[in-house]
Amino acid sequence: MQERLEQMLEPVLESLGYELVLLEYSPHPRNAMLRLFIDAPAGITIDDCERVSKEVAGVLDVEDPIRSAYRLEVSSPGLDRPLVKPAHFERFLGEQARVQLVAPIDGRRRYVGFIRGIDGNTLRLECKEGLAEIPLSEIERARLVPDYDQE
């Protein structure tokens, strides 16, 4: 379902000038949730979220992919934005990220370090312990670590 929703909604968002950073769908029988994190070169405002919410709601009403009641939320990715696609890691080269793996590699599931690059399907992350090479397919979730001291 998640992949179907992404394929349906990503072109809609792109036509409006937004990037779909992350789509989260939680299919709960009584309280299903569809959450979209969007971005744009100029940043995201409340008006942007409202605009996307109206457009997406219209598409979902017509296509009706979710049969049960659900709640739709649209927001910016925030300072601790999720990193989902290889292009996200490339865009934030040099920034600090927190990465959690699906399963441990060398006994470790969590990494914090500076993004040094993407080589094919491998993330290079400079951690305190040295350079970690992490297959993108093994990443469960990744987020930027905000630098609150930055002006």
N, C-alpha and C. Protein backbone atom coordinates (compact mmCIF):
# COMPACT_ATOMS: atom_id res chain seq x y z
N MET A 1 0.83 -1.20 0.00
CA MET A 1 0.00 0.00 0.00
C MET A 1 0.87 1.25 0.00
N GLN A 2 1.93 1.24 0.80
CA GLN A 2 2.79 2.42 0.90
C GLN A 2 3.38 2.77 -0.47
N GLU A 3 3.87 1.76 -1.16
CA GLU A 3 4.46 1.99 -2.49
C GLU A 3 3.42 2.51 -3.47
N ARG A 4 2.22 1.96 -3.40
CA ARG A 4 1.13 2.42 -4.28
C ARG A 4 0.79 3.89 -4.01
N LEU A 5 0.74 4.26 -2.74
CA LEU A 5 0.44 5.65 -2.38
C LEU A 5 1.56 6.58 -2.87
N GLU A 6 2.81 6.15 -2.71
CA GLU A 6 3.93 6.97 -3.19
C GLU A 6 3.84 7.18 -4.69
N GLN A 7 3.58 6.11 -5.43
CA GLN A 7 3.48 6.21 -6.89
C GLN A 7 2.32 7.11 -7.31
N MET A 8 1.25 7.11 -6.55
CA MET A 8 0.09 7.92 -6.86
C MET A 8 0.31 9.39 -6.52
N LEU A 9 0.95 9.66 -5.37
CA LEU A 9 1.02 11.03 -4.86
C LEU A 9 2.27 11.79 -5.27
N GLU A 10 3.37 11.12 -5.50
CA GLU A 10 4.61 11.81 -5.84
C GLU A 10 4.47 12.69 -7.08
N PRO A 11 3.86 12.21 -8.18
CA PRO A 11 3.68 13.08 -9.35
C PRO A 11 2.80 14.30 -9.06
N VAL A 12 1.81 14.13 -8.21
CA VAL A 12 0.93 15.24 -7.84
C VAL A 12 1.74 16.32 -7.13
N LEU A 13 2.57 15.90 -6.17
CA LEU A 13 3.39 16.85 -5.42
C LEU A 13 4.40 17.53 -6.33
N GLU A 14 5.03 16.76 -7.21
CA GLU A 14 6.02 17.34 -8.12
C GLU A 14 5.37 18.37 -9.04
N SER A 15 4.15 18.11 -9.49
CA SER A 15 3.46 19.07 -10.37
C SER A 15 3.15 20.38 -9.64
N LEU A 16 3.07 20.30 -8.31
CA LEU A 16 2.82 21.50 -7.50
C LEU A 16 4.12 22.19 -7.09
N GLY A 17 5.26 21.57 -7.42
CA GLY A 17 6.56 22.15 -7.08
C GLY A 17 7.14 21.69 -5.75
N TYR A 18 6.66 20.55 -5.25
CA TYR A 18 7.13 20.03 -3.97
C TYR A 18 7.81 18.68 -4.16
N GLU A 19 8.68 18.36 -3.23
CA GLU A 19 9.31 17.06 -3.18
C GLU A 19 8.65 16.24 -2.08
N LEU A 20 8.32 15.00 -2.38
CA LEU A 20 7.85 14.08 -1.35
C LEU A 20 9.09 13.49 -0.70
N VAL A 21 9.40 13.94 0.50
CA VAL A 21 10.58 13.47 1.22
C VAL A 21 10.30 12.09 1.80
N LEU A 22 9.15 11.94 2.43
CA LEU A 22 8.81 10.67 3.07
C LEU A 22 7.30 10.55 3.18
N LEU A 23 6.80 9.35 2.92
CA LEU A 23 5.39 9.03 3.12
C LEU A 23 5.34 7.92 4.15
N GLU A 24 4.56 8.12 5.20
CA GLU A 24 4.36 7.10 6.22
C GLU A 24 2.88 6.75 6.24
N TYR A 25 2.60 5.46 6.12
CA TYR A 25 1.21 5.01 6.19
C TYR A 25 1.11 3.96 7.29
N SER A 26 0.24 4.22 8.26
CA SER A 26 -0.01 3.30 9.37
C SER A 26 -1.45 2.83 9.27
N PRO A 27 -1.67 1.61 8.77
CA PRO A 27 -3.04 1.11 8.58
C PRO A 27 -3.63 0.51 9.85
N HIS A 28 -4.19 1.33 10.67
CA HIS A 28 -4.85 0.85 11.88
C HIS A 28 -6.35 0.86 11.61
N PRO A 29 -7.06 -0.21 11.95
CA PRO A 29 -8.49 -0.30 11.63
C PRO A 29 -9.33 0.88 12.14
N ARG A 30 -8.98 1.43 13.29
CA ARG A 30 -9.79 2.51 13.86
C ARG A 30 -9.16 3.89 13.71
N ASN A 31 -7.85 3.92 13.49
CA ASN A 31 -7.17 5.22 13.49
C ASN A 31 -6.00 5.20 12.49
N ALA A 32 -6.27 4.92 11.23
CA ALA A 32 -5.23 4.88 10.21
C ALA A 32 -4.66 6.30 10.02
N MET A 33 -3.37 6.35 9.65
CA MET A 33 -2.69 7.63 9.50
C MET A 33 -1.89 7.62 8.21
N LEU A 34 -2.04 8.69 7.43
CA LEU A 34 -1.21 8.92 6.26
C LEU A 34 -0.49 10.24 6.50
N ARG A 35 0.84 10.16 6.62
CA ARG A 35 1.65 11.34 6.92
C ARG A 35 2.61 11.59 5.77
N LEU A 36 2.61 12.83 5.26
CA LEU A 36 3.50 13.22 4.18
C LEU A 36 4.46 14.29 4.68
N PHE A 37 5.74 14.09 4.42
CA PHE A 37 6.74 15.11 4.69
C PHE A 37 7.15 15.67 3.33
N ILE A 38 6.98 16.98 3.17
CA ILE A 38 7.24 17.61 1.88
C ILE A 38 8.33 18.67 2.02
N ASP A 39 8.95 19.01 0.90
CA ASP A 39 9.97 20.04 0.90
C ASP A 39 9.92 20.79 -0.42
N ALA A 40 10.51 21.98 -0.42
CA ALA A 40 10.62 22.81 -1.61
C ALA A 40 11.88 23.66 -1.45
N PRO A 41 12.44 24.13 -2.56
CA PRO A 41 13.67 24.93 -2.47
C PRO A 41 13.56 26.13 -1.53
N ALA A 42 12.41 26.75 -1.48
CA ALA A 42 12.22 27.94 -0.63
C ALA A 42 11.80 27.58 0.79
N GLY A 43 11.70 26.27 1.09
CA GLY A 43 11.23 25.85 2.40
C GLY A 43 9.72 25.63 2.37
N ILE A 44 9.18 25.25 3.51
CA ILE A 44 7.76 24.90 3.61
C ILE A 44 7.08 25.79 4.65
N THR A 45 5.93 26.31 4.27
CA THR A 45 5.12 27.12 5.18
C THR A 45 3.82 26.36 5.50
N ILE A 46 3.06 26.90 6.41
CA ILE A 46 1.75 26.32 6.72
C ILE A 46 0.85 26.37 5.49
N ASP A 47 0.94 27.44 4.71
CA ASP A 47 0.14 27.54 3.49
C ASP A 47 0.49 26.42 2.50
N ASP A 48 1.78 26.08 2.42
CA ASP A 48 2.19 24.97 1.55
C ASP A 48 1.55 23.67 2.02
N CYS A 49 1.59 23.43 3.30
CA CYS A 49 1.00 22.20 3.86
C CYS A 49 -0.49 22.14 3.58
N GLU A 50 -1.16 23.27 3.73
CA GLU A 50 -2.60 23.33 3.48
C GLU A 50 -2.90 23.06 2.00
N ARG A 51 -2.11 23.66 1.12
CA ARG A 51 -2.31 23.47 -0.32
C ARG A 51 -2.14 22.00 -0.70
N VAL A 52 -1.06 21.39 -0.22
CA VAL A 52 -0.80 19.98 -0.52
C VAL A 52 -1.88 19.10 0.08
N SER A 53 -2.30 19.40 1.29
CA SER A 53 -3.34 18.61 1.94
C SER A 53 -4.63 18.60 1.11
N LYS A 54 -5.03 19.76 0.61
CA LYS A 54 -6.25 19.84 -0.21
C LYS A 54 -6.12 19.05 -1.51
N GLU A 55 -4.96 19.20 -2.18
CA GLU A 55 -4.75 18.49 -3.44
C GLU A 55 -4.71 16.98 -3.22
N VAL A 56 -3.97 16.55 -2.22
CA VAL A 56 -3.83 15.13 -1.93
C VAL A 56 -5.18 14.54 -1.52
N ALA A 57 -5.93 15.25 -0.69
CA ALA A 57 -7.25 14.77 -0.27
C ALA A 57 -8.16 14.58 -1.47
N GLY A 58 -8.08 15.50 -2.43
CA GLY A 58 -8.89 15.37 -3.65
C GLY A 58 -8.52 14.13 -4.46
N VAL A 59 -7.23 13.90 -4.63
CA VAL A 59 -6.77 12.72 -5.36
C VAL A 59 -7.19 11.45 -4.63
N LEU A 60 -7.02 11.42 -3.33
CA LEU A 60 -7.38 10.23 -2.55
C LEU A 60 -8.89 9.98 -2.57
N ASP A 61 -9.68 11.04 -2.59
CA ASP A 61 -11.14 10.87 -2.67
C ASP A 61 -11.53 10.23 -4.00
N VAL A 62 -10.88 10.64 -5.08
CA VAL A 62 -11.20 10.10 -6.41
C VAL A 62 -10.68 8.67 -6.56
N GLU A 63 -9.41 8.46 -6.21
CA GLU A 63 -8.78 7.14 -6.40
C GLU A 63 -9.22 6.13 -5.34
N ASP A 64 -9.51 6.60 -4.14
CA ASP A 64 -9.99 5.78 -3.02
C ASP A 64 -9.12 4.55 -2.72
N PRO A 65 -7.80 4.74 -2.56
CA PRO A 65 -6.94 3.60 -2.28
C PRO A 65 -7.03 3.08 -0.84
N ILE A 66 -7.48 3.96 0.07
CA ILE A 66 -7.58 3.58 1.48
C ILE A 66 -9.06 3.41 1.80
N ARG A 67 -9.46 2.20 2.05
CA ARG A 67 -10.89 1.89 2.21
C ARG A 67 -11.44 2.30 3.56
N SER A 68 -10.61 2.35 4.58
CA SER A 68 -11.10 2.69 5.91
C SER A 68 -10.89 4.18 6.18
N ALA A 69 -11.41 4.65 7.29
CA ALA A 69 -11.20 6.04 7.69
C ALA A 69 -9.73 6.23 8.04
N TYR A 70 -9.21 7.40 7.74
CA TYR A 70 -7.81 7.70 8.03
C TYR A 70 -7.65 9.20 8.27
N ARG A 71 -6.52 9.54 8.86
CA ARG A 71 -6.19 10.94 9.10
C ARG A 71 -5.01 11.30 8.20
N LEU A 72 -5.07 12.43 7.54
CA LEU A 72 -4.02 12.91 6.66
C LEU A 72 -3.27 14.04 7.35
N GLU A 73 -1.95 13.91 7.41
CA GLU A 73 -1.10 14.97 7.96
C GLU A 73 -0.05 15.32 6.93
N VAL A 74 0.18 16.62 6.75
CA VAL A 74 1.21 17.10 5.83
C VAL A 74 2.10 18.06 6.61
N SER A 75 3.42 17.85 6.54
CA SER A 75 4.32 18.75 7.27
C SER A 75 5.66 18.85 6.57
N SER A 76 6.46 19.78 7.04
CA SER A 76 7.82 19.93 6.55
C SER A 76 8.66 18.83 7.17
N PRO A 77 9.83 18.54 6.58
CA PRO A 77 10.67 17.49 7.16
C PRO A 77 11.34 17.93 8.46
N GLY A 78 11.38 19.22 8.75
CA GLY A 78 11.97 19.70 10.00
C GLY A 78 13.48 19.73 9.95
N LEU A 79 14.09 20.21 11.02
CA LEU A 79 15.55 20.28 11.09
C LEU A 79 16.19 18.90 11.16
N ASP A 80 15.50 17.95 11.76
CA ASP A 80 16.01 16.59 11.84
C ASP A 80 15.39 15.74 10.72
N ARG A 81 15.40 16.31 9.53
CA ARG A 81 14.72 15.73 8.37
C ARG A 81 15.14 14.29 8.11
N PRO A 82 14.19 13.48 7.66
CA PRO A 82 14.52 12.12 7.29
C PRO A 82 15.35 12.10 6.00
N LEU A 83 16.26 11.16 5.93
CA LEU A 83 17.07 10.94 4.74
C LEU A 83 16.65 9.57 4.20
N VAL A 84 16.00 9.57 3.05
CA VAL A 84 15.39 8.36 2.53
C VAL A 84 16.04 7.91 1.22
N LYS A 85 16.24 8.86 0.32
CA LYS A 85 16.75 8.55 -1.01
C LYS A 85 18.25 8.84 -1.09
N PRO A 86 18.96 8.18 -2.00
CA PRO A 86 20.39 8.50 -2.17
C PRO A 86 20.63 10.00 -2.39
N ALA A 87 19.73 10.65 -3.12
CA ALA A 87 19.88 12.09 -3.38
C ALA A 87 19.83 12.91 -2.09
N HIS A 88 19.11 12.45 -1.08
CA HIS A 88 19.06 13.16 0.20
C HIS A 88 20.44 13.16 0.85
N PHE A 89 21.11 12.00 0.85
CA PHE A 89 22.44 11.91 1.44
C PHE A 89 23.43 12.77 0.67
N GLU A 90 23.32 12.78 -0.66
CA GLU A 90 24.20 13.60 -1.49
C GLU A 90 23.99 15.09 -1.22
N ARG A 91 22.74 15.50 -1.07
CA ARG A 91 22.42 16.90 -0.83
C ARG A 91 22.99 17.40 0.50
N PHE A 92 23.11 16.50 1.46
CA PHE A 92 23.56 16.91 2.79
C PHE A 92 24.96 16.38 3.12
N LEU A 93 25.82 16.28 2.09
CA LEU A 93 27.22 15.92 2.31
C LEU A 93 27.84 16.83 3.35
N GLY A 94 28.58 16.26 4.27
CA GLY A 94 29.24 17.05 5.30
C GLY A 94 28.39 17.27 6.54
N GLU A 95 27.10 17.01 6.45
CA GLU A 95 26.20 17.18 7.60
C GLU A 95 26.24 15.92 8.47
N GLN A 96 25.85 16.08 9.71
CA GLN A 96 25.82 14.94 10.63
C GLN A 96 24.47 14.23 10.53
N ALA A 97 24.52 12.91 10.56
CA ALA A 97 23.30 12.11 10.46
C ALA A 97 23.31 11.00 11.52
N ARG A 98 22.10 10.59 11.88
CA ARG A 98 21.89 9.45 12.78
C ARG A 98 21.25 8.36 11.93
N VAL A 99 21.87 7.18 11.92
CA VAL A 99 21.43 6.08 11.06
C VAL A 99 21.14 4.85 11.92
N GLN A 100 19.99 4.23 11.66
CA GLN A 100 19.64 2.97 12.33
C GLN A 100 19.46 1.91 11.26
N LEU A 101 20.06 0.76 11.50
CA LEU A 101 20.03 -0.33 10.53
C LEU A 101 18.90 -1.32 10.82
N VAL A 102 18.52 -2.06 9.81
CA VAL A 102 17.52 -3.10 9.94
C VAL A 102 18.05 -4.20 10.86
N ALA A 103 19.30 -4.59 10.62
CA ALA A 103 19.95 -5.64 11.41
C ALA A 103 21.39 -5.21 11.67
N PRO A 104 21.98 -5.66 12.74
CA PRO A 104 23.35 -5.24 13.06
C PRO A 104 24.37 -5.64 11.99
N ILE A 105 25.33 -4.76 11.79
CA ILE A 105 26.51 -5.06 10.98
C ILE A 105 27.69 -4.95 11.94
N ASP A 106 28.46 -6.01 12.05
CA ASP A 106 29.58 -6.07 13.00
C ASP A 106 29.10 -5.76 14.42
N GLY A 107 27.89 -6.25 14.77
CA GLY A 107 27.35 -6.09 16.11
C GLY A 107 26.78 -4.72 16.42
N ARG A 108 26.58 -3.89 15.39
CA ARG A 108 26.13 -2.51 15.63
C ARG A 108 24.95 -2.16 14.73
N ARG A 109 23.92 -1.53 15.33
CA ARG A 109 22.73 -1.10 14.58
C ARG A 109 22.62 0.41 14.45
N ARG A 110 23.28 1.17 15.32
CA ARG A 110 23.12 2.64 15.32
C ARG A 110 24.46 3.32 15.06
N TYR A 111 24.40 4.32 14.20
CA TYR A 111 25.59 5.10 13.85
C TYR A 111 25.24 6.58 13.88
N VAL A 112 26.21 7.38 14.31
CA VAL A 112 26.10 8.84 14.22
C VAL A 112 27.41 9.31 13.63
N GLY A 113 27.31 10.10 12.56
CA GLY A 113 28.54 10.58 11.94
C GLY A 113 28.24 11.55 10.82
N PHE A 114 29.30 12.00 10.18
CA PHE A 114 29.19 12.97 9.10
C PHE A 114 29.11 12.25 7.76
N ILE A 115 28.18 12.69 6.93
CA ILE A 115 27.98 12.09 5.62
C ILE A 115 29.16 12.48 4.73
N ARG A 116 29.89 11.47 4.26
CA ARG A 116 31.06 11.71 3.42
C ARG A 116 30.82 11.33 1.97
N GLY A 117 29.71 10.65 1.69
CA GLY A 117 29.41 10.34 0.30
C GLY A 117 28.59 9.09 0.14
N ILE A 118 28.22 8.88 -1.13
CA ILE A 118 27.50 7.69 -1.55
C ILE A 118 28.33 7.09 -2.67
N ASP A 119 28.72 5.85 -2.52
CA ASP A 119 29.43 5.13 -3.57
C ASP A 119 28.52 3.99 -4.02
N GLY A 120 27.87 4.18 -5.16
CA GLY A 120 26.91 3.17 -5.62
C GLY A 120 25.75 3.09 -4.65
N ASN A 121 25.62 1.97 -3.99
CA ASN A 121 24.54 1.77 -3.02
C ASN A 121 25.07 1.71 -1.60
N THR A 122 26.19 2.40 -1.35
CA THR A 122 26.82 2.37 -0.04
C THR A 122 27.00 3.79 0.49
N LEU A 123 26.52 4.02 1.70
CA LEU A 123 26.70 5.29 2.39
C LEU A 123 28.04 5.27 3.11
N ARG A 124 28.82 6.33 2.97
CA ARG A 124 30.06 6.48 3.72
C ARG A 124 29.79 7.50 4.81
N LEU A 125 29.93 7.07 6.07
CA LEU A 125 29.63 7.89 7.24
C LEU A 125 30.86 7.93 8.14
N GLU A 126 31.37 9.13 8.40
CA GLU A 126 32.54 9.29 9.26
C GLU A 126 32.09 9.40 10.70
N CYS A 127 32.37 8.34 11.47
CA CYS A 127 31.99 8.27 12.89
C CYS A 127 33.23 8.46 13.74
N LYS A 128 33.05 8.58 15.04
CA LYS A 128 34.19 8.70 15.97
C LYS A 128 35.17 7.54 15.78
N GLU A 129 34.61 6.36 15.53
CA GLU A 129 35.43 5.14 15.43
C GLU A 129 36.10 5.00 14.06
N GLY A 130 35.76 5.85 13.12
CA GLY A 130 36.33 5.76 11.78
C GLY A 130 35.24 5.76 10.72
N LEU A 131 35.64 5.50 9.49
CA LEU A 131 34.71 5.54 8.36
C LEU A 131 33.88 4.25 8.33
N ALA A 132 32.56 4.42 8.34
CA ALA A 132 31.64 3.28 8.24
C ALA A 132 31.06 3.26 6.84
N GLU A 133 31.05 2.09 6.23
CA GLU A 133 30.43 1.92 4.92
C GLU A 133 29.18 1.08 5.12
N ILE A 134 28.03 1.71 4.85
CA ILE A 134 26.74 1.11 5.18
C ILE A 134 25.93 0.93 3.91
N PRO A 135 25.54 -0.31 3.58
CA PRO A 135 24.67 -0.51 2.41
C PRO A 135 23.33 0.20 2.62
N LEU A 136 22.90 0.97 1.62
CA LEU A 136 21.63 1.69 1.73
C LEU A 136 20.47 0.74 1.99
N SER A 137 20.55 -0.46 1.46
CA SER A 137 19.47 -1.44 1.65
C SER A 137 19.33 -1.89 3.10
N GLU A 138 20.36 -1.65 3.91
CA GLU A 138 20.34 -2.06 5.32
C GLU A 138 19.86 -0.96 6.26
N ILE A 139 19.60 0.23 5.71
CA ILE A 139 19.18 1.36 6.55
C ILE A 139 17.69 1.29 6.82
N GLU A 140 17.33 1.23 8.09
CA GLU A 140 15.92 1.24 8.49
C GLU A 140 15.40 2.68 8.50
N ARG A 141 16.19 3.58 9.10
CA ARG A 141 15.84 5.00 9.10
C ARG A 141 17.11 5.82 9.30
N ALA A 142 17.07 7.02 8.73
CA ALA A 142 18.19 7.94 8.86
C ALA A 142 17.64 9.35 8.95
N ARG A 143 18.25 10.16 9.79
CA ARG A 143 17.82 11.55 9.96
C ARG A 143 19.05 12.43 10.16
N LEU A 144 18.90 13.70 9.75
CA LEU A 144 19.94 14.67 10.04
C LEU A 144 19.95 14.94 11.54
N VAL A 145 21.12 15.26 12.05
CA VAL A 145 21.26 15.71 13.43
C VAL A 145 21.34 17.23 13.36
N PRO A 146 20.33 17.94 13.87
CA PRO A 146 20.32 19.40 13.75
C PRO A 146 21.48 20.05 14.51
N ASP A 147 22.01 21.10 13.93
CA ASP A 147 23.04 21.91 14.58
C ASP A 147 22.32 23.18 15.07
N TYR A 148 21.90 23.17 16.30
CA TYR A 148 21.13 24.30 16.84
C TYR A 148 21.97 25.53 17.06
N ASP A 149 23.29 25.40 17.04
CA ASP A 149 24.17 26.56 17.24
C ASP A 149 24.41 27.31 15.94
N GLN A 150 24.01 26.72 14.82
CA GLN A 150 24.21 27.36 13.52
C GLN A 150 23.30 28.56 13.38
N GLU A 151 23.83 29.64 12.83
CA GLU A 151 23.01 30.86 12.69
C GLU A 151 22.38 30.95 11.36
